[in-house]
Amino acid sequence: MSIPWFTFVNVSFALIILFRNVLISNFDRSIGAHLEILPFIDEITGGIIALSLLLVLFIYRLPASFTPLCMAMLMTISLMWKHG
């Protein structure tokens, strides 16, 4: 698995979701229902971006013994996508 590619894809999708109102004007107002969940989704996408960038930092800066930590971070990112 290519961690830089995985990180790029995760950050790109998270940024699209985070900037949905800029890309599609008044997107949140067009939904109409479930507006109370939108701040939670914004927090999740911010967390995905932060963890993805931290994962790249760990991959390039720390020794290979941190592989279980990186796999745990990948699992956490996947779970965040599931709940977001």
Protein backbone atom coordinates (compact mmCIF):
# COMPACT_ATOMS: atom_id res chain seq x y z
CA MET A 1 0.00 0.00 0.00
CA SER A 2 1.31 3.45 -0.84
CA ILE A 3 0.86 5.59 2.26
CA PRO A 4 1.50 8.92 0.47
CA TRP A 5 -1.19 8.10 -2.13
CA PHE A 6 -3.59 6.93 0.58
CA THR A 7 -2.96 10.15 2.49
CA PHE A 8 -3.46 12.28 -0.61
CA VAL A 9 -6.80 10.63 -1.35
CA ASN A 10 -8.00 10.92 2.27
CA VAL A 11 -7.00 14.56 2.59
CA SER A 12 -8.49 15.41 -0.82
CA PHE A 13 -11.88 13.87 -0.03
CA ALA A 14 -11.90 15.39 3.45
CA LEU A 15 -11.16 18.85 2.02
CA ILE A 16 -13.97 18.46 -0.51
CA ILE A 17 -16.37 17.66 2.32
CA LEU A 18 -14.99 20.41 4.56
CA PHE A 19 -15.29 23.07 1.83
CA ARG A 20 -18.61 21.84 0.45
CA ASN A 21 -20.23 25.27 0.84
CA VAL A 22 -17.44 26.93 -1.13
CA LEU A 23 -17.51 24.37 -3.94
CA ILE A 24 -21.30 24.17 -4.15
CA SER A 25 -22.85 27.41 -2.95
CA ASN A 26 -25.30 27.04 -0.06
CA PHE A 27 -24.99 23.27 -0.04
CA ASP A 28 -25.84 22.99 3.66
CA ARG A 29 -29.08 24.95 3.21
CA SER A 30 -30.15 22.71 0.36
CA ILE A 31 -30.07 19.65 2.62
CA GLY A 32 -32.88 20.91 4.82
CA ALA A 33 -32.80 18.06 7.34
CA HIS A 34 -30.16 16.88 9.80
CA LEU A 35 -28.35 20.23 10.02
CA GLU A 36 -27.30 19.42 13.60
CA ILE A 37 -24.94 16.70 12.36
CA LEU A 38 -22.95 18.98 10.03
CA PRO A 39 -20.59 20.34 12.75
CA PHE A 40 -19.83 16.72 13.74
CA ILE A 41 -18.99 15.91 10.11
CA ASP A 42 -16.70 18.96 9.97
CA GLU A 43 -14.89 17.78 13.11
CA ILE A 44 -14.50 14.27 11.69
CA THR A 45 -13.05 15.57 8.42
CA GLY A 46 -10.64 17.81 10.34
CA GLY A 47 -9.54 14.78 12.34
CA ILE A 48 -9.06 12.75 9.17
CA ILE A 49 -6.85 15.47 7.71
CA ALA A 50 -4.80 15.75 10.91
CA LEU A 51 -4.35 11.98 11.32
CA SER A 52 -3.46 11.51 7.65
CA LEU A 53 -0.76 14.16 7.80
CA LEU A 54 0.51 12.73 11.09
CA LEU A 55 0.64 9.30 9.47
CA VAL A 56 2.86 10.62 6.67
CA LEU A 57 5.11 12.23 9.26
CA PHE A 58 5.38 8.94 11.17
CA ILE A 59 6.13 6.96 8.02
CA TYR A 60 9.00 9.22 6.96
CA ARG A 61 10.45 10.28 10.31
CA LEU A 62 10.19 7.32 12.68
CA PRO A 63 11.87 3.94 12.49
CA ALA A 64 10.11 0.88 11.08
CA SER A 65 9.25 -0.33 14.59
CA PHE A 66 6.31 2.08 14.56
CA THR A 67 4.48 0.05 11.91
CA PRO A 68 1.81 -1.18 14.40
CA LEU A 69 1.17 2.44 15.34
CA CYS A 70 0.77 3.36 11.67
CA MET A 71 -1.61 0.47 11.11
CA ALA A 72 -3.63 1.59 14.12
CA MET A 73 -3.80 5.09 12.66
CA LEU A 74 -4.98 3.67 9.33
CA MET A 75 -7.70 1.76 11.15
CA THR A 76 -8.69 4.90 13.06
CA ILE A 77 -8.93 6.90 9.84
CA SER A 78 -11.11 4.18 8.32
CA LEU A 79 -13.39 4.20 11.34
CA MET A 80 -13.64 7.99 11.16
CA TRP A 81 -14.79 7.73 7.54
CA LYS A 82 -17.37 5.16 8.59
CA HIS A 83 -18.83 7.37 11.32
CA GLY A 84 -18.53 10.62 9.36
